[in-house]
Each structure stands twice: as structure tokens, then as C-alpha cells.
Amino acid sequence: MRDDFSKPYDPKDVEDKIYKIWEKSGYFNPDNLPLQKGSRSFCIIMPPPNANGSLHLGHAVFVALEDIMTRYQRMQGKRTLWLPGADHAGFETQVVFEKKLEKEGRNRFEITRNELYKETLEFTLKNKKTTEDQLKKLGASCDWSREKFTLDPDIIQIVYKTFKKLYDDGLVYRDARPVNWCAKHQTSLSDLEVKYEERKDPLYYIKYGPLILATVRLETKFGDTAVAVNPKDERYKEYIGKEIEIETVAGRAKIKVIADEYVDMKFGTGVVKITPAHDPDDFEIGRRHNLEIKEVIDKYGKLNEKAGQYAGMKIMEARAKIAEDMKAKGLIEKIDENYAHTVGHCYKCGNTIEPRVMPQWFVAVNKKGVKSGKILAKDAVAEVKKGKIKFVSKRFEKIFFHWMKNIRDWNISRQIVWGIRIPAWFHESQCTPRKNQEKNIGKCEQIIISDTEPKCEFCDSKFIQDTDVFDTWFSSGQWPFASLMANKSNDFKNFYPTSIMETGWDILFFWIARMIMLG
């Protein structure tokens, strides 16, 4: 028997050689295929693996499925492109890198922005190389000459152009609104990045002067700017529009009673305290009634100076202490110890999410574009209903429609370092008049969208770039057209829209819905 057959099979030697032969042939590149004139095109844009670790079993599944489809279409004589790529994966990668820093006894908040970005980039590029090698070992017949990375300069420029186009169309705006804040990671999260769980907490029935109201969150009472009742609730009509005097743990105070139809007459006593700074629903009520926004919980999840003696305490610690002090003053009528309610948690660390009002960039998904006339969510649904986009299986289409019907404006700001920095520039607060332009002071643009530092038309003040980066799904949502536009000039014409997007159902809303809206 030959020695070749007596040795254990070593796939590394054989498969690496075969893959090199495949690559050398050039037939993964559609430009090199012996195509007949008028051949139809077929294109799959590979869902770019996160460049923050090795591939997992899910990647092996998608490579097998997409490789089968690609090879089949190639053998059918079609101009076939399977375009590979890698995702910088913003927040996901920064969390992974922070864990690495923790093991080294380091903290990301003690590292300069530039150094943290540089170290994360080195870490990401190393992992990117690993995933590329693994994809080749899986036999992926993709065109590596067209490979793209979400942080390639040409991709970044396309993302910038999309942002400016949406901004000029009135579909991107900056506003101080409640966001989902993670105190551990020190960033806001989109609604999709919040995991909701039911838990039981004490529901306190507290005395507010002549009224009694129910609340779980005693610690936010220092930020209350009104008490609300339903205008149809006969029990409280005499109080509407009046100020009532209340006893608090900090002494006596006055607070206004307002009427709003949002108030559920059946919840608790039908009276609710309104804390616009720390509850999204209260924020909307506050806007309707022009209420003050008083933040009493800081970005670290601790009560601030407005909480008086409770300043510096963490939320649960403060809640327990306030309950104790209110009991001592006779300000608690009763307690429901097992009140079940839903609480949001960070999908990465599990910490309770704290609503905070912060200036952020949002994509308006239900508003009509002032130039384009487009309504992102509505138009995305219309494309699916027309059959231009088909879901397999059909049940995911129903889930998509349900989610799009209830979609809210998308917060695309992230208070992290790793990612594509938002190309928004803010004018310095003080104008420095330029000679012969004194009369134009006050006409200066306060916000300019630009990929380079702008100059003021009327004064010598500088513009300061936003320190936030884009939500990674904002750039990933542009992946099909951005990756083709950034490559050879005819790729977008030949292969867009793409033929198939194969991906997991778990990112149907994170990614698929946003690709449809931005595509």
C-alpha cells in the first residue's frame, strides 16, 4: 500500500491547495466568467461577519447555504457575484474590546479617544483577517477582489452622503428626547437593543397633599413637575389647573395638577406623577403641557444634587432609603409588595436601562421628506406589498408588517468611540466677528453637515465635531448599495438590487427592515 494512503487524512494540506487553485482560476470574479451576451445577473451580498472574534456555527450555516446558491447560479451561466465583507460592529465590538481591557486591568475611560480607536482598530483588523481565513477554509466561493469593510474610506463617504441627504430632506433631525441609557457602557441604545423582562417591585401609594398616587419609582419624585389626572375622571375635576401643597421628605412644596387623556383612570388611584426627564410617556405629556424637565439621575445611574440628602446614591439604594423616610413621615398610604411590571435591560450587560433626555440624532421614519416626498417606513412596507421584496417564509412578512406599523423614530447616536463619527459640526457658542461682517452676527449656521471641518461664512469662530458615532446598523443598513457603489463603476448597475439576502430572523428588524428603508 502506498504511504499516501497509510497516513491520516490532513484536510489542511488538501483543502488549502484546492482553494488556492480556485482563487487562481479567477472564476469567483464575475468579470472573468465566460458569459454569453445578455446573461442575467445574480448577486448575494454576504452578511458581513462582526470583526471582533472568530466565526461560529451560524456563520458556517450561512456560508454553506449562500455558497450552494452562488455556485448553482454560476453554473447556470449567470453573471454571478457573491461579495464578501466585514463589519466593524460598533457597540458590539467596543463591548468585546472593553472586556479585553478589563482582563488587562485597564479601563476605556482612562484611555484617550484617539488611542482607544487605534487599539480597537488593530484588534478588529486582526480578527478580520482571522474570519477571512475561516471563510476560505469553509470553501466560500466569493470574489475576494471586491471585499469591503464597513470602515473603508469609500464606504464611510457613502454613509456620510446618506446622512446629509436625509438631513437635507428633513428625515434626520437632532432633538433632546428620552433615550435608553446604559450606565455601565455609557451610551444610548436603540429600542431594539433593549431587552424587556417582567419583574416584581413594590408599588407605593404615596400622599401628594389631598391626592394619593401610585408609583414604583420613588427616586424620581425630585424631578416631578406636575401631577396628572384624566380629564374625564370626575373624582379629581376640582383639582385640575390648580396648584396643590404637598409634604415631601425634603419639606413642603407646591405642584400643579394637569389633565391629560393619556392617564389611565384604572391604574392605581387614577393619579400619576409626571417626571418628564425620566419617563418617555411623561416626556410627551410634559411637551404637551410645557412642563419643566428636571434631571435627577445622572449618567452613572446615581441621584444628583437635586435629590438633596440622597445625592450620590444608586437608584435602588435611594429608593429604599426614600421609602423608609416617607414611612417615618406618614407619607405612604399603602404598599403593593408584588406589583408586576416590565423593565428594560441592556441587551449586553443586563443593567436596568434608565430613560434620559439627551440631544441625539434621529431618523424620522414616519415623516414625509421635504424634498423627496418619501416616508421611510410607509414606503418600505409598500415595496414588500408590491412583491418587490419577498420573505421566505411568509410568516416573517407578517411580523415585519406588525413591527413597521409600530415603529418609532430611530436614535442613531452612540456615545462610544468605535465607529463612524457623525459628520455634524457645531458652531462655537461665542461669535468672533470678522471684519466687515459685524452686521451679519447672528446669521451664522449653528449646525453644518460636512465630512471635513467647515468654516463660518460670517465669523472666525470654529466648528466642533459631534463626538458621537453612528449606530452600527445605520451604516450596515446601507451595505447592499454602499458595497456595490464603492466597488467597480458598473457593479451597482449590474447587481443592484441584489437577488437574495440570506440572514437570521433575529436581525429582521435590526438590519433587514433598515436596509429596506434606506435602500
Foldseek 3Di string as FASTA:
>chain_A
DDPVVVDPDDCVVVLVVVLVVLVVQVLLQLVPAPADPPAAEAEEEALAAELQAEDDPQVLVVLVVVQVVQVVVVVVRHSYAYEYEHEPQPPVNVVSVQVVQVVVVHHPVVDDLVVSQVVSVVNSVVSVVNHVVVSVSSVRSHDPVLYYYCPDPLLLVVLLVLVVVCVLQVQKDKFFAWFWADLVSLKGDWPLQKDKDKFFAKWFFFDFAVDTFTDRQPVLPLQFAAKEAACVDPVCVVQAQHWGWGQALVGIDIHHYHHDNVQDCPPGNRMGTAALFWDRVSVVVCVVVVTDHDDQADSNQFGDCSSPPRGPPHRVVSSVVRVVSCVVVVGTPDMDGTDMDMFIARNPPRHTITIGGDTFMWGAQQDQGNPPRDRLLVVLLVCVVVVVDADVVNVLNVVSVVCSVVDGITGFWIQGSHANFFQKWAWPPDFAFDPPLVVVPVVWDGIDRDPDFDQTPGGGTGIHGDRTHTNSLSSLLCPQQSSQVSDDPCSCVNAPPHDDHDDDSSCCPSHVSSVSSSD
